[in-house]
């Protein structure tokens, strides 16, 4: 996938045409479990705590995750569709070739994580935490990201397209080359040195100039 705002390519999940059905709702997830080549659909997964779990070549569809803590999770070649991942704890995750589409990720904790070739599309990610994370080839398209925390993260080839970033926190994250021109960035939390080289619309530039204490004379 190539987004219109950039020329870099996103690698899509490598998923086989036929996947076995996995009934994860009735199984407890254990430390270092590896689940692969399957589809998990139409259920609620709750009250699971484990570390170093891996999901590889998995489709999650119409899943509600409740009270989930999976630190050091490895997601490779995975697609989430119409899922609710709100408030789950996925700190220190490694996420590669993953699509998250039409999902609710309100308050998800992905701090200190590594994201490579990841697409968030039509997602509600208010209050999500990505602090201290590393992003490479990542797209947020038509996402609600109000009050989301991207503080002290590392951005390289990341796109925010038609997304709502009101009050998002990006202090300590270098935004050079990031195009916010078609996004709502009212109240974004960033230092002046972080904003150096960011791409904004004329109206956004006026807003930032006021923060710098400039007086604009018409």
N, C-alpha and C. Protein backbone atom coordinates (compact mmCIF):
# COMPACT_ATOMS: atom_id res chain seq x y z
N UNK A 1 0.84 -1.19 0.00
CA UNK A 1 0.00 0.00 0.00
C UNK A 1 0.88 1.25 0.00
N UNK A 2 0.53 2.22 -0.87
CA UNK A 2 1.21 3.50 -0.90
C UNK A 2 0.18 4.58 -0.62
N UNK A 3 0.40 5.39 0.41
CA UNK A 3 -0.53 6.46 0.74
C UNK A 3 -0.26 7.67 -0.13
N UNK A 4 -1.31 8.46 -0.42
CA UNK A 4 -1.16 9.62 -1.29
C UNK A 4 -0.23 10.67 -0.70
N UNK A 5 -0.07 10.70 0.62
CA UNK A 5 0.75 11.74 1.25
C UNK A 5 2.24 11.38 1.27
N UNK A 6 2.59 10.21 0.77
CA UNK A 6 3.99 9.82 0.83
C UNK A 6 4.28 8.84 -0.28
N UNK A 7 5.55 8.57 -0.49
CA UNK A 7 5.92 7.61 -1.53
C UNK A 7 6.47 6.32 -0.96
N UNK A 8 6.42 6.15 0.34
CA UNK A 8 6.93 4.89 0.89
C UNK A 8 5.84 3.83 0.84
N UNK A 9 6.25 2.60 0.86
CA UNK A 9 5.34 1.47 0.73
C UNK A 9 5.14 0.77 2.07
N UNK A 10 3.89 0.43 2.35
CA UNK A 10 3.56 -0.35 3.54
C UNK A 10 3.45 -1.82 3.14
N UNK A 11 4.15 -2.68 3.82
CA UNK A 11 4.04 -4.11 3.58
C UNK A 11 2.79 -4.65 4.27
N UNK A 12 1.92 -5.29 3.52
CA UNK A 12 0.67 -5.82 4.07
C UNK A 12 0.91 -7.16 4.75
N UNK A 13 -0.02 -7.56 5.64
CA UNK A 13 0.12 -8.87 6.29
C UNK A 13 0.16 -10.00 5.27
N UNK A 14 1.04 -10.94 5.50
CA UNK A 14 1.12 -12.13 4.65
C UNK A 14 0.23 -13.21 5.25
N UNK A 15 -0.98 -13.32 4.69
CA UNK A 15 -1.98 -14.23 5.23
C UNK A 15 -2.33 -15.29 4.20
N UNK A 16 -2.35 -16.57 4.61
CA UNK A 16 -2.76 -17.62 3.67
C UNK A 16 -4.22 -17.51 3.30
N UNK A 17 -4.62 -18.05 2.16
CA UNK A 17 -6.00 -17.96 1.71
C UNK A 17 -6.95 -18.72 2.63
N UNK A 18 -6.47 -19.81 3.20
CA UNK A 18 -7.32 -20.61 4.08
C UNK A 18 -6.72 -20.63 5.49
N UNK A 19 -7.56 -20.26 6.46
CA UNK A 19 -7.12 -20.24 7.85
C UNK A 19 -8.03 -21.11 8.70
N UNK A 20 -7.45 -21.82 9.64
CA UNK A 20 -8.24 -22.62 10.57
C UNK A 20 -8.96 -21.70 11.55
N UNK A 21 -10.12 -22.14 12.03
CA UNK A 21 -10.84 -21.40 13.05
C UNK A 21 -10.26 -21.76 14.42
N UNK A 22 -9.90 -20.74 15.18
CA UNK A 22 -9.34 -20.94 16.51
C UNK A 22 -10.33 -20.40 17.53
N UNK A 23 -10.70 -21.22 18.50
CA UNK A 23 -11.62 -20.79 19.56
C UNK A 23 -10.80 -20.34 20.76
N UNK A 24 -10.28 -19.13 20.66
CA UNK A 24 -9.42 -18.62 21.72
C UNK A 24 -10.21 -18.24 22.96
N UNK A 25 -11.51 -18.01 22.82
CA UNK A 25 -12.32 -17.55 23.95
C UNK A 25 -12.36 -18.56 25.09
N UNK A 26 -12.18 -19.84 24.77
CA UNK A 26 -12.28 -20.86 25.82
C UNK A 26 -10.91 -21.32 26.30
N UNK A 27 -9.87 -20.75 25.75
CA UNK A 27 -8.52 -21.17 26.13
C UNK A 27 -7.81 -20.06 26.90
N UNK A 28 -7.08 -20.46 27.92
CA UNK A 28 -6.25 -19.51 28.64
C UNK A 28 -4.96 -19.29 27.87
N UNK A 29 -4.54 -18.04 27.79
CA UNK A 29 -3.29 -17.71 27.11
C UNK A 29 -2.17 -17.80 28.13
N UNK A 30 -1.15 -18.56 27.81
CA UNK A 30 -0.03 -18.78 28.71
C UNK A 30 1.21 -18.03 28.23
N UNK A 31 2.14 -17.80 29.13
CA UNK A 31 3.41 -17.18 28.76
C UNK A 31 4.06 -17.94 27.61
N UNK A 32 4.57 -17.20 26.64
CA UNK A 32 5.33 -17.73 25.50
C UNK A 32 4.49 -18.59 24.57
N UNK A 33 3.16 -18.52 24.64
CA UNK A 33 2.32 -19.21 23.67
C UNK A 33 2.54 -18.62 22.28
N UNK A 34 2.43 -19.48 21.26
CA UNK A 34 2.48 -19.06 19.87
C UNK A 34 1.23 -19.58 19.17
N UNK A 35 0.41 -18.66 18.66
CA UNK A 35 -0.77 -19.04 17.90
C UNK A 35 -0.59 -18.56 16.47
N UNK A 36 -0.82 -19.45 15.50
CA UNK A 36 -0.54 -19.09 14.12
C UNK A 36 -1.54 -19.72 13.16
N UNK A 37 -1.63 -19.11 12.00
CA UNK A 37 -2.43 -19.62 10.89
C UNK A 37 -3.87 -19.90 11.29
N UNK A 38 -4.56 -18.86 11.73
CA UNK A 38 -5.94 -19.07 12.15
C UNK A 38 -6.77 -17.81 12.11
N UNK A 39 -8.08 -17.99 12.21
CA UNK A 39 -9.04 -16.89 12.29
C UNK A 39 -9.79 -17.01 13.61
N UNK A 40 -9.89 -15.90 14.32
CA UNK A 40 -10.59 -15.85 15.59
C UNK A 40 -11.71 -14.84 15.42
N UNK A 41 -12.95 -15.30 15.54
CA UNK A 41 -14.08 -14.45 15.14
C UNK A 41 -15.22 -14.49 16.15
N UNK A 42 -15.93 -13.36 16.26
CA UNK A 42 -17.24 -13.28 16.90
C UNK A 42 -17.26 -13.81 18.33
N UNK A 43 -16.38 -13.26 19.16
CA UNK A 43 -16.38 -13.70 20.55
C UNK A 43 -15.78 -12.61 21.44
N UNK A 44 -15.83 -12.85 22.75
CA UNK A 44 -15.19 -11.98 23.73
C UNK A 44 -14.04 -12.73 24.37
N UNK A 45 -12.89 -12.09 24.42
CA UNK A 45 -11.71 -12.66 25.07
C UNK A 45 -11.42 -11.79 26.28
N UNK A 46 -11.44 -12.37 27.46
CA UNK A 46 -11.32 -11.54 28.66
C UNK A 46 -10.49 -12.22 29.74
N UNK A 47 -10.00 -11.36 30.64
CA UNK A 47 -9.29 -11.80 31.84
C UNK A 47 -8.09 -12.68 31.51
N UNK A 48 -7.25 -12.19 30.59
CA UNK A 48 -6.05 -12.92 30.19
C UNK A 48 -4.81 -12.09 30.51
N UNK A 49 -3.84 -12.72 31.16
CA UNK A 49 -2.57 -12.07 31.47
C UNK A 49 -1.43 -13.01 31.13
N UNK A 50 -0.52 -12.55 30.28
CA UNK A 50 0.63 -13.38 29.91
C UNK A 50 1.69 -12.48 29.30
N UNK A 51 2.89 -13.02 29.16
CA UNK A 51 4.00 -12.28 28.55
C UNK A 51 4.62 -13.10 27.42
N UNK A 52 5.22 -12.39 26.48
CA UNK A 52 5.96 -12.99 25.37
C UNK A 52 5.08 -13.95 24.54
N UNK A 53 3.82 -13.57 24.35
CA UNK A 53 2.91 -14.33 23.48
C UNK A 53 3.10 -13.86 22.05
N UNK A 54 2.95 -14.77 21.08
CA UNK A 54 3.10 -14.43 19.67
C UNK A 54 1.84 -14.84 18.90
N UNK A 55 1.34 -13.91 18.10
CA UNK A 55 0.27 -14.21 17.15
C UNK A 55 0.85 -13.98 15.75
N UNK A 56 0.84 -15.03 14.93
CA UNK A 56 1.41 -14.94 13.59
C UNK A 56 0.41 -15.47 12.57
N UNK A 57 0.19 -14.68 11.54
CA UNK A 57 -0.77 -15.02 10.49
C UNK A 57 -2.15 -15.34 11.09
N UNK A 58 -2.68 -14.32 11.77
CA UNK A 58 -3.96 -14.45 12.46
C UNK A 58 -4.88 -13.31 12.01
N UNK A 59 -6.17 -13.63 11.82
CA UNK A 59 -7.20 -12.62 11.61
C UNK A 59 -8.10 -12.60 12.83
N UNK A 60 -8.25 -11.43 13.44
CA UNK A 60 -9.22 -11.22 14.51
C UNK A 60 -10.38 -10.43 13.92
N UNK A 61 -11.59 -10.97 14.02
CA UNK A 61 -12.74 -10.28 13.45
C UNK A 61 -13.90 -10.29 14.43
N UNK A 62 -14.43 -9.10 14.69
CA UNK A 62 -15.58 -8.94 15.61
C UNK A 62 -15.26 -9.50 17.00
N UNK A 63 -14.10 -9.11 17.53
CA UNK A 63 -13.66 -9.58 18.84
C UNK A 63 -13.70 -8.42 19.84
N UNK A 64 -14.17 -8.71 21.04
CA UNK A 64 -14.10 -7.76 22.15
C UNK A 64 -13.07 -8.27 23.14
N UNK A 65 -12.05 -7.46 23.41
CA UNK A 65 -11.01 -7.81 24.37
C UNK A 65 -11.29 -7.06 25.67
N UNK A 66 -11.37 -7.78 26.77
CA UNK A 66 -11.65 -7.16 28.06
C UNK A 66 -10.63 -7.63 29.09
N UNK A 67 -10.08 -6.68 29.85
CA UNK A 67 -9.15 -6.99 30.93
C UNK A 67 -8.01 -7.88 30.43
N UNK A 68 -7.31 -7.38 29.43
CA UNK A 68 -6.23 -8.13 28.79
C UNK A 68 -4.89 -7.44 29.06
N UNK A 69 -3.90 -8.21 29.48
CA UNK A 69 -2.53 -7.71 29.63
C UNK A 69 -1.57 -8.71 28.98
N UNK A 70 -0.99 -8.29 27.85
CA UNK A 70 -0.07 -9.16 27.11
C UNK A 70 1.20 -8.37 26.80
N UNK A 71 2.03 -8.19 27.80
CA UNK A 71 3.27 -7.45 27.60
C UNK A 71 4.24 -8.27 26.74
N UNK A 72 5.07 -7.55 25.98
CA UNK A 72 6.05 -8.16 25.08
C UNK A 72 5.37 -9.00 24.00
N UNK A 73 4.19 -8.60 23.57
CA UNK A 73 3.45 -9.33 22.55
C UNK A 73 4.14 -9.18 21.19
N UNK A 74 4.16 -10.27 20.43
CA UNK A 74 4.69 -10.28 19.07
C UNK A 74 3.52 -10.49 18.10
N UNK A 75 3.21 -9.45 17.33
CA UNK A 75 2.17 -9.54 16.31
C UNK A 75 2.84 -9.45 14.94
N UNK A 76 2.74 -10.51 14.15
CA UNK A 76 3.33 -10.53 12.82
C UNK A 76 2.32 -11.10 11.83
N UNK A 77 2.06 -10.34 10.76
CA UNK A 77 1.09 -10.75 9.75
C UNK A 77 -0.28 -10.99 10.37
N UNK A 78 -0.83 -9.92 10.94
CA UNK A 78 -2.09 -9.99 11.68
C UNK A 78 -3.02 -8.89 11.18
N UNK A 79 -4.31 -9.20 11.16
CA UNK A 79 -5.33 -8.21 10.82
C UNK A 79 -6.42 -8.22 11.88
N UNK A 80 -6.72 -7.03 12.41
CA UNK A 80 -7.84 -6.82 13.32
C UNK A 80 -8.94 -6.09 12.55
N UNK A 81 -10.14 -6.64 12.57
CA UNK A 81 -11.26 -6.02 11.85
C UNK A 81 -12.49 -5.96 12.75
N UNK A 82 -13.02 -4.75 12.95
CA UNK A 82 -14.21 -4.54 13.77
C UNK A 82 -14.03 -5.10 15.18
N UNK A 83 -12.90 -4.82 15.78
CA UNK A 83 -12.60 -5.32 17.12
C UNK A 83 -12.59 -4.17 18.13
N UNK A 84 -12.80 -4.52 19.40
CA UNK A 84 -12.70 -3.56 20.49
C UNK A 84 -11.52 -3.93 21.36
N UNK A 85 -10.44 -3.15 21.26
CA UNK A 85 -9.22 -3.39 22.02
C UNK A 85 -9.02 -2.31 23.08
N UNK A 86 -10.10 -1.70 23.51
CA UNK A 86 -10.00 -0.56 24.43
C UNK A 86 -9.37 -0.97 25.77
N UNK A 87 -8.44 -0.12 26.20
CA UNK A 87 -7.85 -0.21 27.55
C UNK A 87 -7.04 -1.48 27.79
N UNK A 88 -6.67 -2.22 26.76
CA UNK A 88 -5.84 -3.39 27.00
C UNK A 88 -4.37 -2.98 27.09
N UNK A 89 -3.59 -3.78 27.76
CA UNK A 89 -2.19 -3.46 28.04
C UNK A 89 -1.30 -4.30 27.13
N UNK A 90 -0.69 -3.63 26.15
CA UNK A 90 0.22 -4.31 25.22
C UNK A 90 1.59 -3.63 25.22
N UNK A 91 2.03 -3.23 26.39
CA UNK A 91 3.32 -2.57 26.48
C UNK A 91 4.45 -3.44 25.93
N UNK A 92 5.42 -2.74 25.31
CA UNK A 92 6.64 -3.37 24.78
C UNK A 92 6.32 -4.40 23.68
N UNK A 93 5.27 -4.14 22.92
CA UNK A 93 4.91 -5.05 21.82
C UNK A 93 5.82 -4.83 20.62
N UNK A 94 5.94 -5.88 19.82
CA UNK A 94 6.60 -5.80 18.51
C UNK A 94 5.52 -6.10 17.48
N UNK A 95 5.25 -5.13 16.61
CA UNK A 95 4.12 -5.22 15.69
C UNK A 95 4.63 -5.04 14.27
N UNK A 96 4.45 -6.05 13.44
CA UNK A 96 5.03 -6.01 12.09
C UNK A 96 4.03 -6.57 11.08
N UNK A 97 3.81 -5.83 10.02
CA UNK A 97 2.84 -6.17 8.97
C UNK A 97 1.48 -6.46 9.61
N UNK A 98 0.89 -5.41 10.16
CA UNK A 98 -0.39 -5.52 10.87
C UNK A 98 -1.36 -4.45 10.37
N UNK A 99 -2.61 -4.84 10.17
CA UNK A 99 -3.68 -3.91 9.82
C UNK A 99 -4.71 -3.89 10.93
N UNK A 100 -5.10 -2.69 11.35
CA UNK A 100 -6.11 -2.51 12.39
C UNK A 100 -7.19 -1.63 11.78
N UNK A 101 -8.33 -2.23 11.44
CA UNK A 101 -9.33 -1.57 10.61
C UNK A 101 -10.68 -1.54 11.31
N UNK A 102 -11.28 -0.36 11.35
CA UNK A 102 -12.62 -0.19 11.96
C UNK A 102 -12.63 -0.71 13.39
N UNK A 103 -11.61 -0.38 14.14
CA UNK A 103 -11.49 -0.89 15.50
C UNK A 103 -11.57 0.24 16.52
N UNK A 104 -11.95 -0.14 17.73
CA UNK A 104 -11.94 0.76 18.87
C UNK A 104 -10.71 0.44 19.70
N UNK A 105 -9.80 1.41 19.80
CA UNK A 105 -8.56 1.21 20.55
C UNK A 105 -8.41 2.31 21.60
N UNK A 106 -9.53 2.72 22.16
CA UNK A 106 -9.54 3.79 23.16
C UNK A 106 -8.71 3.36 24.37
N UNK A 107 -7.74 4.17 24.75
CA UNK A 107 -6.96 3.90 25.95
C UNK A 107 -6.02 2.72 25.87
N UNK A 108 -5.81 2.17 24.70
CA UNK A 108 -4.88 1.04 24.58
C UNK A 108 -3.48 1.50 24.99
N UNK A 109 -2.74 0.63 25.64
CA UNK A 109 -1.38 0.96 26.09
C UNK A 109 -0.38 0.22 25.22
N UNK A 110 0.21 0.96 24.28
CA UNK A 110 1.27 0.41 23.43
C UNK A 110 2.57 1.17 23.66
N UNK A 111 2.78 1.60 24.87
CA UNK A 111 4.00 2.35 25.17
C UNK A 111 5.23 1.47 25.03
N UNK A 112 6.33 2.10 24.64
CA UNK A 112 7.62 1.41 24.51
C UNK A 112 7.53 0.24 23.53
N UNK A 113 6.75 0.43 22.46
CA UNK A 113 6.55 -0.64 21.48
C UNK A 113 7.28 -0.32 20.18
N UNK A 114 7.39 -1.33 19.33
CA UNK A 114 8.02 -1.20 18.03
C UNK A 114 6.99 -1.52 16.96
N UNK A 115 6.71 -0.53 16.08
CA UNK A 115 5.71 -0.71 15.03
C UNK A 115 6.37 -0.56 13.67
N UNK A 116 6.23 -1.59 12.85
CA UNK A 116 6.79 -1.61 11.50
C UNK A 116 5.72 -2.07 10.52
N UNK A 117 5.46 -1.28 9.47
CA UNK A 117 4.47 -1.64 8.46
C UNK A 117 3.11 -1.91 9.09
N UNK A 118 2.57 -0.86 9.70
CA UNK A 118 1.30 -0.96 10.44
C UNK A 118 0.33 0.09 9.91
N UNK A 119 -0.92 -0.31 9.72
CA UNK A 119 -1.98 0.59 9.27
C UNK A 119 -3.08 0.62 10.32
N UNK A 120 -3.42 1.82 10.78
CA UNK A 120 -4.63 2.05 11.57
C UNK A 120 -5.60 2.79 10.65
N UNK A 121 -6.74 2.18 10.36
CA UNK A 121 -7.68 2.77 9.41
C UNK A 121 -9.08 2.82 10.03
N UNK A 122 -9.65 4.02 10.05
CA UNK A 122 -11.01 4.24 10.62
C UNK A 122 -11.09 3.72 12.05
N UNK A 123 -10.15 4.11 12.87
CA UNK A 123 -10.10 3.64 14.26
C UNK A 123 -10.36 4.78 15.24
N UNK A 124 -10.97 4.44 16.37
CA UNK A 124 -11.14 5.37 17.48
C UNK A 124 -10.04 5.07 18.49
N UNK A 125 -9.04 5.96 18.52
CA UNK A 125 -7.90 5.74 19.41
C UNK A 125 -7.73 6.83 20.45
N UNK A 126 -8.83 7.41 20.88
CA UNK A 126 -8.72 8.44 21.92
C UNK A 126 -8.01 7.89 23.16
N UNK A 127 -7.15 8.72 23.74
CA UNK A 127 -6.43 8.40 24.98
C UNK A 127 -5.49 7.20 24.85
N UNK A 128 -5.21 6.76 23.64
CA UNK A 128 -4.23 5.68 23.47
C UNK A 128 -2.85 6.17 23.88
N UNK A 129 -2.01 5.24 24.32
CA UNK A 129 -0.65 5.59 24.75
C UNK A 129 0.37 4.87 23.87
N UNK A 130 1.15 5.68 23.12
CA UNK A 130 2.25 5.16 22.31
C UNK A 130 3.59 5.73 22.79
N UNK A 131 3.62 6.25 23.99
CA UNK A 131 4.82 6.93 24.49
C UNK A 131 6.05 6.03 24.39
N UNK A 132 7.16 6.63 23.97
CA UNK A 132 8.46 5.96 23.89
C UNK A 132 8.50 4.84 22.85
N UNK A 133 7.60 4.91 21.87
CA UNK A 133 7.55 3.86 20.85
C UNK A 133 8.31 4.27 19.59
N UNK A 134 8.63 3.27 18.79
CA UNK A 134 9.36 3.47 17.54
C UNK A 134 8.44 3.14 16.37
N UNK A 135 8.29 4.10 15.44
CA UNK A 135 7.39 3.95 14.30
C UNK A 135 8.19 3.96 13.01
N UNK A 136 8.01 2.95 12.16
CA UNK A 136 8.59 2.90 10.83
C UNK A 136 7.53 2.37 9.87
N UNK A 137 7.23 3.14 8.81
CA UNK A 137 6.20 2.75 7.85
C UNK A 137 4.87 2.50 8.57
N UNK A 138 4.30 3.56 9.10
CA UNK A 138 3.04 3.47 9.84
C UNK A 138 2.08 4.54 9.32
N UNK A 139 0.82 4.17 9.11
CA UNK A 139 -0.20 5.09 8.63
C UNK A 139 -1.37 5.10 9.60
N UNK A 140 -1.80 6.30 9.99
CA UNK A 140 -3.05 6.51 10.69
C UNK A 140 -3.99 7.22 9.71
N UNK A 141 -4.99 6.53 9.23
CA UNK A 141 -5.88 7.09 8.21
C UNK A 141 -7.30 7.20 8.76
N UNK A 142 -7.82 8.43 8.73
CA UNK A 142 -9.19 8.70 9.20
C UNK A 142 -9.40 8.13 10.60
N UNK A 143 -8.52 8.52 11.51
CA UNK A 143 -8.57 8.02 12.89
C UNK A 143 -8.87 9.15 13.87
N UNK A 144 -9.57 8.80 14.94
CA UNK A 144 -9.82 9.73 16.04
C UNK A 144 -8.73 9.50 17.08
N UNK A 145 -7.84 10.48 17.23
CA UNK A 145 -6.65 10.33 18.09
C UNK A 145 -6.57 11.44 19.12
N UNK A 146 -7.71 11.93 19.56
CA UNK A 146 -7.71 13.00 20.55
C UNK A 146 -7.08 12.52 21.86
N UNK A 147 -6.22 13.38 22.42
CA UNK A 147 -5.58 13.11 23.71
C UNK A 147 -4.70 11.87 23.69
N UNK A 148 -4.29 11.44 22.51
CA UNK A 148 -3.38 10.30 22.40
C UNK A 148 -1.95 10.75 22.72
N UNK A 149 -1.19 9.87 23.36
CA UNK A 149 0.15 10.21 23.82
C UNK A 149 1.20 9.57 22.90
N UNK A 150 1.88 10.41 22.11
CA UNK A 150 3.00 9.98 21.28
C UNK A 150 4.32 10.54 21.82
N UNK A 151 4.34 10.95 23.07
CA UNK A 151 5.49 11.63 23.62
C UNK A 151 6.77 10.81 23.58
N UNK A 152 7.88 11.48 23.24
CA UNK A 152 9.22 10.89 23.23
C UNK A 152 9.30 9.64 22.37
N UNK A 153 8.56 9.65 21.27
CA UNK A 153 8.61 8.54 20.32
C UNK A 153 9.54 8.85 19.17
N UNK A 154 9.81 7.85 18.37
CA UNK A 154 10.71 7.98 17.22
C UNK A 154 9.89 7.75 15.96
N UNK A 155 9.75 8.81 15.14
CA UNK A 155 8.95 8.74 13.91
C UNK A 155 9.87 8.67 12.69
N UNK A 156 9.59 7.72 11.80
CA UNK A 156 10.25 7.66 10.50
C UNK A 156 9.27 7.03 9.52
N UNK A 157 8.94 7.76 8.46
CA UNK A 157 7.93 7.30 7.51
C UNK A 157 6.61 6.99 8.22
N UNK A 158 6.05 8.02 8.83
CA UNK A 158 4.75 7.90 9.50
C UNK A 158 3.82 8.94 8.88
N UNK A 159 2.56 8.55 8.67
CA UNK A 159 1.57 9.42 8.04
C UNK A 159 0.35 9.54 8.93
N UNK A 160 -0.11 10.77 9.11
CA UNK A 160 -1.40 11.06 9.73
C UNK A 160 -2.27 11.67 8.64
N UNK A 161 -3.32 10.96 8.22
CA UNK A 161 -4.13 11.39 7.08
C UNK A 161 -5.58 11.56 7.52
N UNK A 162 -6.10 12.78 7.40
CA UNK A 162 -7.48 13.08 7.77
C UNK A 162 -7.81 12.53 9.16
N UNK A 163 -6.95 12.79 10.10
CA UNK A 163 -7.14 12.29 11.46
C UNK A 163 -7.28 13.44 12.45
N UNK A 164 -7.99 13.17 13.54
CA UNK A 164 -8.25 14.15 14.58
C UNK A 164 -7.23 13.97 15.69
N UNK A 165 -6.29 14.92 15.78
CA UNK A 165 -5.21 14.86 16.77
C UNK A 165 -5.35 15.96 17.82
N UNK A 166 -6.57 16.41 18.06
CA UNK A 166 -6.75 17.46 19.06
C UNK A 166 -6.21 17.01 20.41
N UNK A 167 -5.41 17.90 21.03
CA UNK A 167 -4.84 17.67 22.35
C UNK A 167 -3.89 16.47 22.40
N UNK A 168 -3.49 15.94 21.26
CA UNK A 168 -2.51 14.85 21.27
C UNK A 168 -1.18 15.36 21.82
N UNK A 169 -0.47 14.50 22.53
CA UNK A 169 0.79 14.87 23.15
C UNK A 169 1.96 14.31 22.34
N UNK A 170 2.83 15.22 21.87
CA UNK A 170 3.98 14.80 21.06
C UNK A 170 5.27 15.45 21.55
N UNK A 171 5.28 15.89 22.77
CA UNK A 171 6.48 16.53 23.31
C UNK A 171 7.64 15.54 23.33
N UNK A 172 8.78 15.99 22.84
CA UNK A 172 9.95 15.12 22.81
C UNK A 172 10.04 14.24 21.58
N UNK A 173 9.09 14.41 20.63
CA UNK A 173 9.07 13.64 19.39
C UNK A 173 9.37 14.58 18.23
N UNK A 174 10.38 14.26 17.45
CA UNK A 174 10.74 15.11 16.32
C UNK A 174 9.72 14.94 15.20
N UNK A 175 9.15 16.07 14.74
CA UNK A 175 8.07 16.04 13.77
C UNK A 175 8.49 16.55 12.40
N UNK A 176 9.76 16.67 12.17
CA UNK A 176 10.25 17.14 10.89
C UNK A 176 9.76 16.24 9.76
N UNK A 177 9.15 16.86 8.74
CA UNK A 177 8.68 16.11 7.58
C UNK A 177 7.32 15.48 7.75
N UNK A 178 6.72 15.55 8.94
CA UNK A 178 5.40 14.97 9.15
C UNK A 178 4.35 15.95 8.64
N UNK A 179 3.45 15.46 7.78
CA UNK A 179 2.44 16.31 7.14
C UNK A 179 1.13 16.23 7.93
N UNK A 180 0.82 17.33 8.63
CA UNK A 180 -0.41 17.43 9.39
C UNK A 180 -1.47 18.27 8.68
N UNK A 181 -1.25 18.61 7.44
CA UNK A 181 -2.04 19.66 6.78
C UNK A 181 -3.53 19.34 6.65
N UNK A 182 -3.90 18.07 6.58
CA UNK A 182 -5.33 17.74 6.48
C UNK A 182 -5.87 17.12 7.78
N UNK A 183 -5.16 17.35 8.87
CA UNK A 183 -5.58 16.83 10.18
C UNK A 183 -6.00 17.98 11.09
N UNK A 184 -6.74 17.65 12.13
CA UNK A 184 -7.09 18.62 13.17
C UNK A 184 -6.07 18.49 14.29
N UNK A 185 -5.22 19.51 14.46
CA UNK A 185 -4.16 19.44 15.47
C UNK A 185 -4.33 20.54 16.51
N UNK A 186 -5.57 20.98 16.70
CA UNK A 186 -5.83 22.02 17.68
C UNK A 186 -5.39 21.56 19.07
N UNK A 187 -4.59 22.36 19.74
CA UNK A 187 -4.16 22.04 21.10
C UNK A 187 -3.10 20.97 21.20
N UNK A 188 -2.45 20.63 20.09
CA UNK A 188 -1.43 19.58 20.14
C UNK A 188 -0.32 19.99 21.09
N UNK A 189 0.16 19.02 21.86
CA UNK A 189 1.21 19.29 22.84
C UNK A 189 2.58 18.97 22.27
N UNK A 190 3.33 20.00 21.92
CA UNK A 190 4.67 19.80 21.37
C UNK A 190 5.52 21.03 21.66
N UNK A 191 6.81 20.84 21.82
CA UNK A 191 7.72 21.95 22.01
C UNK A 191 8.05 22.58 20.65
N UNK A 192 8.48 23.82 20.66
CA UNK A 192 8.81 24.49 19.41
C UNK A 192 9.90 23.74 18.65
N UNK A 193 10.88 23.21 19.37
CA UNK A 193 11.94 22.47 18.69
C UNK A 193 11.44 21.16 18.09
N UNK A 194 10.36 20.59 18.67
CA UNK A 194 9.77 19.38 18.10
C UNK A 194 9.07 19.68 16.78
N UNK A 195 8.48 20.87 16.67
CA UNK A 195 7.70 21.25 15.50
C UNK A 195 8.55 21.67 14.31
N UNK A 196 9.84 21.83 14.50
CA UNK A 196 10.71 22.28 13.42
C UNK A 196 10.61 21.34 12.22
N UNK A 197 10.24 21.90 11.06
CA UNK A 197 10.17 21.12 9.83
C UNK A 197 8.86 20.39 9.62
N UNK A 198 7.91 20.50 10.55
CA UNK A 198 6.60 19.87 10.35
C UNK A 198 5.86 20.58 9.22
N UNK A 199 5.02 19.86 8.51
CA UNK A 199 4.26 20.40 7.39
C UNK A 199 2.83 20.69 7.84
N UNK A 200 2.43 21.96 7.75
CA UNK A 200 1.11 22.36 8.25
C UNK A 200 0.43 23.24 7.20
N UNK A 201 -0.88 23.41 7.37
CA UNK A 201 -1.65 24.29 6.49
C UNK A 201 -1.45 25.74 6.93
N UNK A 202 -1.83 26.72 6.08
CA UNK A 202 -1.71 28.13 6.49
C UNK A 202 -2.44 28.44 7.79
N UNK A 203 -3.64 27.92 7.97
CA UNK A 203 -4.39 28.17 9.19
C UNK A 203 -3.69 27.57 10.40
N UNK A 204 -3.13 26.37 10.24
CA UNK A 204 -2.39 25.75 11.33
C UNK A 204 -1.14 26.57 11.66
N UNK A 205 -0.51 27.12 10.64
CA UNK A 205 0.68 27.94 10.86
C UNK A 205 0.35 29.17 11.69
N UNK A 206 -0.80 29.78 11.42
CA UNK A 206 -1.22 30.93 12.21
C UNK A 206 -1.41 30.55 13.67
N UNK A 207 -2.03 29.38 13.90
CA UNK A 207 -2.24 28.92 15.27
C UNK A 207 -0.92 28.71 16.00
N UNK A 208 0.05 28.11 15.32
CA UNK A 208 1.36 27.88 15.95
C UNK A 208 2.10 29.20 16.18
N UNK A 209 1.93 30.13 15.28
CA UNK A 209 2.62 31.40 15.46
C UNK A 209 2.12 32.13 16.70
N UNK A 210 0.84 31.98 17.01
CA UNK A 210 0.29 32.59 18.22
C UNK A 210 0.92 31.97 19.47
N UNK A 211 1.17 30.65 19.41
CA UNK A 211 1.82 30.00 20.54
C UNK A 211 3.24 30.52 20.74
N UNK A 212 3.85 30.97 19.65
CA UNK A 212 5.21 31.51 19.72
C UNK A 212 5.22 32.97 20.21
N UNK A 213 4.01 33.50 20.41
CA UNK A 213 3.93 34.86 20.90
C UNK A 213 3.96 35.92 19.80
N UNK A 214 3.86 35.48 18.53
CA UNK A 214 3.86 36.44 17.43
C UNK A 214 2.51 37.14 17.35
N UNK A 215 2.52 38.38 16.97
CA UNK A 215 1.29 39.14 16.73
C UNK A 215 1.13 39.30 15.23
N UNK A 216 0.04 38.76 14.72
CA UNK A 216 -0.19 38.79 13.26
C UNK A 216 -1.03 40.02 12.93
N UNK A 217 -0.49 40.87 12.09
CA UNK A 217 -1.18 42.10 11.71
C UNK A 217 -1.80 41.91 10.33
N UNK A 218 -3.08 42.16 10.23
CA UNK A 218 -3.78 42.02 8.95
C UNK A 218 -3.72 43.33 8.17
